[in-house]
Amino acid sequence: MNIVNFTPITATFGGMIIGLAVVIFFLFNGRLVGISGIAANALSEKNNRFDNLLFLIGLVIGPILYTVFTNKQINITISNSLILLICAGLLVGMGTRVSGGCTSGHGISGIGRFSLRSIIATITFMIVGILTVLIKNYI
């Protein structure tokens, strides 16, 4: 196995910043951070729609600001198969509904609260993700 992007120092600081953002979001909004829940609430909920939209806009603006201030490009490769992208999106959407949240909600907020359900969900996400990569790369 070839580890190309092994950056423990920047990964640690990134994790600390994400953890701090989760705490700040909870203190100011009284809600946990989960991207699928925030996206669903932004589309359907009327009371906190502005907060949810600001959070989602921040997810888009963050990488843009990173590239502006560091002059580094973020290289992202997305499959050019529209059918594969649609199927993947539907599977992710169904998975977030079945598991009661997404990787950010369970993995960051849930594990931070020592939620057994979130710990089990995150372990399941990781196992399925690893198996998916192995199947895609070796079969």
N, C-alpha and C. Protein backbone atom coordinates (compact mmCIF):
# COMPACT_ATOMS: atom_id res chain seq x y z
N MET A 1 0.84 -1.18 0.00
CA MET A 1 0.00 0.00 0.00
C MET A 1 0.88 1.24 0.00
N ASN A 2 0.49 2.22 -0.78
CA ASN A 2 1.26 3.44 -0.92
C ASN A 2 0.47 4.60 -0.32
N ILE A 3 0.96 5.13 0.79
CA ILE A 3 0.28 6.25 1.43
C ILE A 3 0.89 7.55 0.90
N VAL A 4 0.12 8.26 0.10
CA VAL A 4 0.61 9.45 -0.55
C VAL A 4 0.38 10.69 0.31
N ASN A 5 -0.78 10.79 0.89
CA ASN A 5 -1.15 12.00 1.62
C ASN A 5 -1.13 11.79 3.13
N PHE A 6 -0.09 11.20 3.67
CA PHE A 6 0.02 10.98 5.11
C PHE A 6 0.52 12.27 5.74
N THR A 7 -0.39 13.02 6.35
CA THR A 7 -0.05 14.32 6.94
C THR A 7 -0.62 14.38 8.36
N PRO A 8 0.04 13.74 9.31
CA PRO A 8 -0.55 13.66 10.66
C PRO A 8 -0.68 15.01 11.37
N ILE A 9 0.22 15.93 11.12
CA ILE A 9 0.15 17.22 11.83
C ILE A 9 -1.02 18.05 11.31
N THR A 10 -1.12 18.21 10.00
CA THR A 10 -2.23 19.00 9.45
C THR A 10 -3.56 18.28 9.66
N ALA A 11 -3.55 16.94 9.63
CA ALA A 11 -4.79 16.19 9.89
C ALA A 11 -5.25 16.40 11.33
N THR A 12 -4.32 16.43 12.25
CA THR A 12 -4.67 16.67 13.66
C THR A 12 -5.26 18.06 13.85
N PHE A 13 -4.62 19.06 13.26
CA PHE A 13 -5.16 20.42 13.36
C PHE A 13 -6.51 20.54 12.67
N GLY A 14 -6.66 19.88 11.53
CA GLY A 14 -7.95 19.88 10.83
C GLY A 14 -9.04 19.25 11.69
N GLY A 15 -8.72 18.13 12.33
CA GLY A 15 -9.67 17.48 13.22
C GLY A 15 -10.04 18.36 14.40
N MET A 16 -9.06 19.07 14.95
CA MET A 16 -9.34 19.98 16.06
C MET A 16 -10.25 21.13 15.63
N ILE A 17 -10.04 21.64 14.43
CA ILE A 17 -10.88 22.72 13.91
C ILE A 17 -12.31 22.22 13.68
N ILE A 18 -12.43 21.01 13.13
CA ILE A 18 -13.77 20.43 12.93
C ILE A 18 -14.46 20.24 14.27
N GLY A 19 -13.74 19.71 15.25
CA GLY A 19 -14.33 19.53 16.59
C GLY A 19 -14.76 20.85 17.21
N LEU A 20 -13.95 21.87 17.05
CA LEU A 20 -14.30 23.19 17.57
C LEU A 20 -15.54 23.74 16.86
N ALA A 21 -15.62 23.54 15.55
CA ALA A 21 -16.79 24.00 14.80
C ALA A 21 -18.06 23.30 15.28
N VAL A 22 -17.97 22.01 15.58
CA VAL A 22 -19.12 21.25 16.07
C VAL A 22 -19.57 21.81 17.42
N VAL A 23 -18.62 22.09 18.30
CA VAL A 23 -18.95 22.64 19.63
C VAL A 23 -19.59 24.02 19.48
N ILE A 24 -19.02 24.87 18.64
CA ILE A 24 -19.57 26.22 18.44
C ILE A 24 -20.98 26.14 17.85
N PHE A 25 -21.16 25.27 16.86
CA PHE A 25 -22.49 25.11 16.26
C PHE A 25 -23.50 24.67 17.31
N PHE A 26 -23.11 23.73 18.16
CA PHE A 26 -24.02 23.25 19.20
C PHE A 26 -24.32 24.34 20.22
N LEU A 27 -23.32 25.08 20.64
CA LEU A 27 -23.53 26.14 21.63
C LEU A 27 -24.46 27.24 21.11
N PHE A 28 -24.31 27.60 19.84
CA PHE A 28 -25.11 28.69 19.29
C PHE A 28 -26.47 28.25 18.77
N ASN A 29 -26.60 26.97 18.38
CA ASN A 29 -27.85 26.50 17.78
C ASN A 29 -28.56 25.43 18.59
N GLY A 30 -27.87 24.82 19.54
CA GLY A 30 -28.48 23.76 20.33
C GLY A 30 -28.75 22.49 19.54
N ARG A 31 -28.08 22.35 18.39
CA ARG A 31 -28.26 21.17 17.54
C ARG A 31 -26.91 20.57 17.19
N LEU A 32 -26.93 19.29 16.84
CA LEU A 32 -25.72 18.61 16.44
C LEU A 32 -25.46 18.83 14.95
N VAL A 33 -24.20 18.70 14.57
CA VAL A 33 -23.83 18.87 13.17
C VAL A 33 -23.94 17.53 12.46
N GLY A 34 -24.71 17.52 11.41
CA GLY A 34 -24.83 16.39 10.51
C GLY A 34 -25.24 16.96 9.17
N ILE A 35 -24.42 16.78 8.16
CA ILE A 35 -24.64 17.46 6.89
C ILE A 35 -25.97 17.05 6.25
N SER A 36 -26.30 15.76 6.30
CA SER A 36 -27.56 15.34 5.67
C SER A 36 -28.76 15.96 6.38
N GLY A 37 -28.71 16.04 7.70
CA GLY A 37 -29.80 16.66 8.45
C GLY A 37 -29.90 18.16 8.19
N ILE A 38 -28.75 18.82 8.12
CA ILE A 38 -28.74 20.26 7.85
C ILE A 38 -29.26 20.53 6.44
N ALA A 39 -28.83 19.71 5.48
CA ALA A 39 -29.30 19.90 4.11
C ALA A 39 -30.81 19.66 4.02
N ALA A 40 -31.30 18.61 4.68
CA ALA A 40 -32.74 18.33 4.67
C ALA A 40 -33.52 19.46 5.34
N ASN A 41 -33.00 19.97 6.46
CA ASN A 41 -33.68 21.06 7.16
C ASN A 41 -33.64 22.36 6.35
N ALA A 42 -32.57 22.58 5.60
CA ALA A 42 -32.48 23.78 4.78
C ALA A 42 -33.56 23.78 3.69
N LEU A 43 -33.92 22.59 3.24
CA LEU A 43 -34.93 22.49 2.20
C LEU A 43 -36.35 22.46 2.74
N SER A 44 -36.53 22.01 3.99
CA SER A 44 -37.89 21.80 4.47
C SER A 44 -38.27 22.65 5.68
N GLU A 45 -37.35 22.88 6.58
CA GLU A 45 -37.68 23.56 7.83
C GLU A 45 -37.74 25.07 7.62
N LYS A 46 -38.71 25.72 8.24
CA LYS A 46 -38.86 27.16 8.05
C LYS A 46 -38.18 27.97 9.14
N ASN A 47 -38.06 27.43 10.35
CA ASN A 47 -37.53 28.21 11.47
C ASN A 47 -36.03 28.47 11.37
N ASN A 48 -35.24 27.44 11.14
CA ASN A 48 -33.79 27.58 11.13
C ASN A 48 -33.21 27.51 9.72
N ARG A 49 -33.98 27.82 8.74
CA ARG A 49 -33.51 27.69 7.36
C ARG A 49 -32.28 28.55 7.11
N PHE A 50 -32.25 29.77 7.63
CA PHE A 50 -31.12 30.68 7.39
C PHE A 50 -29.83 30.11 7.97
N ASP A 51 -29.88 29.60 9.20
CA ASP A 51 -28.70 28.98 9.82
C ASP A 51 -28.21 27.80 9.00
N ASN A 52 -29.14 26.98 8.55
CA ASN A 52 -28.77 25.81 7.76
C ASN A 52 -28.14 26.22 6.43
N LEU A 53 -28.72 27.23 5.78
CA LEU A 53 -28.17 27.70 4.51
C LEU A 53 -26.77 28.30 4.71
N LEU A 54 -26.58 29.05 5.79
CA LEU A 54 -25.26 29.61 6.08
C LEU A 54 -24.22 28.50 6.27
N PHE A 55 -24.61 27.44 6.97
CA PHE A 55 -23.70 26.33 7.19
C PHE A 55 -23.31 25.69 5.85
N LEU A 56 -24.30 25.45 5.00
CA LEU A 56 -24.03 24.83 3.70
C LEU A 56 -23.20 25.74 2.81
N ILE A 57 -23.46 27.03 2.84
CA ILE A 57 -22.66 27.98 2.07
C ILE A 57 -21.21 27.98 2.57
N GLY A 58 -21.04 27.87 3.87
CA GLY A 58 -19.70 27.78 4.45
C GLY A 58 -18.93 26.56 3.95
N LEU A 59 -19.64 25.45 3.73
CA LEU A 59 -18.98 24.26 3.21
C LEU A 59 -18.45 24.48 1.79
N VAL A 60 -19.14 25.31 1.04
CA VAL A 60 -18.71 25.61 -0.32
C VAL A 60 -17.61 26.68 -0.33
N ILE A 61 -17.77 27.70 0.51
CA ILE A 61 -16.81 28.81 0.52
C ILE A 61 -15.48 28.41 1.15
N GLY A 62 -15.49 27.50 2.10
CA GLY A 62 -14.25 27.09 2.79
C GLY A 62 -13.14 26.68 1.85
N PRO A 63 -13.38 25.73 0.95
CA PRO A 63 -12.31 25.34 0.02
C PRO A 63 -11.89 26.47 -0.93
N ILE A 64 -12.84 27.32 -1.28
CA ILE A 64 -12.52 28.45 -2.16
C ILE A 64 -11.56 29.40 -1.45
N LEU A 65 -11.86 29.71 -0.18
CA LEU A 65 -10.97 30.57 0.60
C LEU A 65 -9.60 29.92 0.79
N TYR A 66 -9.58 28.62 0.98
CA TYR A 66 -8.31 27.91 1.11
C TYR A 66 -7.44 28.11 -0.12
N THR A 67 -8.03 27.95 -1.29
CA THR A 67 -7.25 28.11 -2.52
C THR A 67 -6.80 29.56 -2.73
N VAL A 68 -7.63 30.50 -2.29
CA VAL A 68 -7.26 31.92 -2.44
C VAL A 68 -6.08 32.27 -1.53
N PHE A 69 -6.13 31.82 -0.27
CA PHE A 69 -5.10 32.21 0.69
C PHE A 69 -3.82 31.38 0.61
N THR A 70 -3.89 30.16 0.11
CA THR A 70 -2.69 29.32 0.04
C THR A 70 -2.13 29.19 -1.37
N ASN A 71 -2.86 29.65 -2.37
CA ASN A 71 -2.48 29.51 -3.77
C ASN A 71 -2.24 28.06 -4.17
N LYS A 72 -2.93 27.13 -3.51
CA LYS A 72 -2.84 25.71 -3.85
C LYS A 72 -4.18 25.27 -4.43
N GLN A 73 -4.12 24.49 -5.47
CA GLN A 73 -5.34 23.95 -6.08
C GLN A 73 -5.77 22.69 -5.32
N ILE A 74 -7.06 22.49 -5.20
CA ILE A 74 -7.60 21.27 -4.62
C ILE A 74 -8.02 20.39 -5.80
N ASN A 75 -7.29 19.31 -6.00
CA ASN A 75 -7.58 18.42 -7.13
C ASN A 75 -8.63 17.40 -6.72
N ILE A 76 -9.74 17.43 -7.42
CA ILE A 76 -10.84 16.50 -7.17
C ILE A 76 -11.15 15.79 -8.48
N THR A 77 -11.23 14.48 -8.41
CA THR A 77 -11.59 13.70 -9.59
C THR A 77 -12.94 13.07 -9.36
N ILE A 78 -13.88 13.34 -10.24
CA ILE A 78 -15.22 12.76 -10.14
C ILE A 78 -15.43 11.91 -11.38
N SER A 79 -16.06 10.79 -11.19
CA SER A 79 -16.34 9.90 -12.31
C SER A 79 -17.11 10.65 -13.40
N ASN A 80 -16.80 10.33 -14.64
CA ASN A 80 -17.52 10.97 -15.74
C ASN A 80 -18.77 10.18 -16.14
N SER A 81 -19.11 9.18 -15.35
CA SER A 81 -20.30 8.38 -15.62
C SER A 81 -21.50 8.98 -14.89
N LEU A 82 -22.41 9.57 -15.63
CA LEU A 82 -23.59 10.18 -15.02
C LEU A 82 -24.45 9.13 -14.32
N ILE A 83 -24.58 7.95 -14.90
CA ILE A 83 -25.38 6.89 -14.30
C ILE A 83 -24.77 6.46 -12.96
N LEU A 84 -23.43 6.33 -12.92
CA LEU A 84 -22.74 5.96 -11.67
C LEU A 84 -22.95 7.03 -10.60
N LEU A 85 -22.87 8.30 -10.98
CA LEU A 85 -23.07 9.38 -10.02
C LEU A 85 -24.50 9.40 -9.47
N ILE A 86 -25.47 9.18 -10.33
CA ILE A 86 -26.87 9.15 -9.90
C ILE A 86 -27.11 7.98 -8.95
N CYS A 87 -26.61 6.81 -9.32
CA CYS A 87 -26.77 5.63 -8.45
C CYS A 87 -26.09 5.85 -7.10
N ALA A 88 -24.88 6.40 -7.12
CA ALA A 88 -24.16 6.66 -5.88
C ALA A 88 -24.93 7.65 -5.01
N GLY A 89 -25.45 8.71 -5.61
CA GLY A 89 -26.22 9.70 -4.85
C GLY A 89 -27.46 9.10 -4.22
N LEU A 90 -28.17 8.26 -4.98
CA LEU A 90 -29.36 7.60 -4.43
C LEU A 90 -29.00 6.66 -3.29
N LEU A 91 -27.92 5.90 -3.44
CA LEU A 91 -27.50 4.99 -2.38
C LEU A 91 -27.09 5.75 -1.11
N VAL A 92 -26.38 6.87 -1.30
CA VAL A 92 -25.98 7.67 -0.14
C VAL A 92 -27.21 8.25 0.54
N GLY A 93 -28.15 8.76 -0.24
CA GLY A 93 -29.38 9.31 0.32
C GLY A 93 -30.17 8.27 1.09
N MET A 94 -30.31 7.07 0.51
CA MET A 94 -31.03 6.00 1.20
C MET A 94 -30.28 5.57 2.47
N GLY A 95 -28.95 5.52 2.37
CA GLY A 95 -28.15 5.13 3.53
C GLY A 95 -28.26 6.09 4.69
N THR A 96 -28.32 7.40 4.38
CA THR A 96 -28.45 8.37 5.47
C THR A 96 -29.82 8.28 6.14
N ARG A 97 -30.84 7.92 5.38
CA ARG A 97 -32.18 7.75 5.97
C ARG A 97 -32.25 6.48 6.80
N VAL A 98 -31.69 5.39 6.28
CA VAL A 98 -31.73 4.11 7.00
C VAL A 98 -30.94 4.18 8.30
N SER A 99 -29.77 4.83 8.25
CA SER A 99 -28.91 4.88 9.44
C SER A 99 -29.24 6.05 10.36
N GLY A 100 -30.21 6.87 9.97
CA GLY A 100 -30.60 7.99 10.82
C GLY A 100 -29.57 9.10 10.84
N GLY A 101 -28.79 9.24 9.79
CA GLY A 101 -27.80 10.31 9.72
C GLY A 101 -26.67 9.94 8.80
N CYS A 102 -25.75 10.87 8.63
CA CYS A 102 -24.64 10.66 7.70
C CYS A 102 -23.33 10.49 8.48
N THR A 103 -22.26 10.35 7.74
CA THR A 103 -20.96 10.12 8.38
C THR A 103 -20.55 11.29 9.27
N SER A 104 -20.90 12.49 8.88
CA SER A 104 -20.52 13.64 9.72
C SER A 104 -21.34 13.67 11.01
N GLY A 105 -22.62 13.38 10.91
CA GLY A 105 -23.46 13.39 12.11
C GLY A 105 -23.08 12.29 13.07
N HIS A 106 -22.95 11.07 12.56
CA HIS A 106 -22.57 9.95 13.43
C HIS A 106 -21.10 10.01 13.82
N GLY A 107 -20.24 10.25 12.83
CA GLY A 107 -18.80 10.18 13.05
C GLY A 107 -18.23 11.30 13.89
N ILE A 108 -18.77 12.47 13.77
CA ILE A 108 -18.23 13.61 14.52
C ILE A 108 -19.07 13.89 15.76
N SER A 109 -20.34 14.18 15.56
CA SER A 109 -21.20 14.53 16.69
C SER A 109 -21.55 13.32 17.55
N GLY A 110 -21.90 12.21 16.91
CA GLY A 110 -22.34 11.03 17.65
C GLY A 110 -21.26 10.37 18.47
N ILE A 111 -20.09 10.17 17.87
CA ILE A 111 -18.99 9.56 18.61
C ILE A 111 -18.53 10.49 19.72
N GLY A 112 -18.55 11.80 19.47
CA GLY A 112 -18.18 12.77 20.50
C GLY A 112 -19.10 12.70 21.71
N ARG A 113 -20.35 12.23 21.51
CA ARG A 113 -21.31 12.07 22.61
C ARG A 113 -21.31 10.64 23.15
N PHE A 114 -20.42 9.80 22.63
CA PHE A 114 -20.32 8.38 23.02
C PHE A 114 -21.62 7.63 22.75
N SER A 115 -22.28 7.97 21.65
CA SER A 115 -23.51 7.30 21.26
C SER A 115 -23.17 5.94 20.66
N LEU A 116 -23.67 4.87 21.27
CA LEU A 116 -23.41 3.51 20.79
C LEU A 116 -23.92 3.35 19.36
N ARG A 117 -25.09 3.89 19.08
CA ARG A 117 -25.66 3.82 17.74
C ARG A 117 -24.75 4.48 16.71
N SER A 118 -24.18 5.63 17.07
CA SER A 118 -23.28 6.33 16.15
C SER A 118 -21.95 5.59 15.99
N ILE A 119 -21.47 5.00 17.05
CA ILE A 119 -20.22 4.24 16.97
C ILE A 119 -20.41 3.05 16.03
N ILE A 120 -21.52 2.33 16.18
CA ILE A 120 -21.82 1.19 15.30
C ILE A 120 -22.00 1.66 13.86
N ALA A 121 -22.72 2.77 13.67
CA ALA A 121 -22.93 3.30 12.31
C ALA A 121 -21.61 3.69 11.67
N THR A 122 -20.72 4.34 12.42
CA THR A 122 -19.44 4.77 11.87
C THR A 122 -18.56 3.58 11.52
N ILE A 123 -18.55 2.57 12.36
CA ILE A 123 -17.79 1.35 12.05
C ILE A 123 -18.34 0.72 10.76
N THR A 124 -19.66 0.70 10.63
CA THR A 124 -20.29 0.15 9.41
C THR A 124 -19.90 0.98 8.20
N PHE A 125 -19.94 2.32 8.30
CA PHE A 125 -19.54 3.18 7.19
C PHE A 125 -18.11 2.87 6.76
N MET A 126 -17.23 2.74 7.74
CA MET A 126 -15.82 2.51 7.44
C MET A 126 -15.61 1.16 6.76
N ILE A 127 -16.24 0.12 7.28
CA ILE A 127 -16.09 -1.22 6.69
C ILE A 127 -16.61 -1.24 5.26
N VAL A 128 -17.79 -0.67 5.04
CA VAL A 128 -18.37 -0.65 3.69
C VAL A 128 -17.51 0.20 2.76
N GLY A 129 -16.99 1.32 3.24
CA GLY A 129 -16.11 2.16 2.42
C GLY A 129 -14.84 1.44 2.02
N ILE A 130 -14.22 0.75 2.97
CA ILE A 130 -13.00 -0.01 2.68
C ILE A 130 -13.29 -1.12 1.68
N LEU A 131 -14.38 -1.86 1.90
CA LEU A 131 -14.74 -2.93 0.97
C LEU A 131 -15.04 -2.38 -0.42
N THR A 132 -15.70 -1.24 -0.50
CA THR A 132 -16.01 -0.63 -1.80
C THR A 132 -14.74 -0.28 -2.56
N VAL A 133 -13.78 0.31 -1.86
CA VAL A 133 -12.50 0.66 -2.51
C VAL A 133 -11.78 -0.61 -2.96
N LEU A 134 -11.74 -1.61 -2.10
CA LEU A 134 -11.08 -2.86 -2.48
C LEU A 134 -11.73 -3.51 -3.69
N ILE A 135 -13.05 -3.55 -3.69
CA ILE A 135 -13.77 -4.14 -4.82
C ILE A 135 -13.53 -3.34 -6.09
N LYS A 136 -13.62 -2.01 -5.98
CA LYS A 136 -13.44 -1.15 -7.16
C LYS A 136 -12.02 -1.25 -7.72
N ASN A 137 -11.02 -1.34 -6.86
CA ASN A 137 -9.64 -1.33 -7.32
C ASN A 137 -9.09 -2.69 -7.73
N TYR A 138 -9.65 -3.75 -7.19
CA TYR A 138 -9.05 -5.06 -7.41
C TYR A 138 -9.92 -6.05 -8.16
N ILE A 139 -11.14 -5.68 -8.47
CA ILE A 139 -12.00 -6.61 -9.22
C ILE A 139 -12.34 -6.01 -10.55
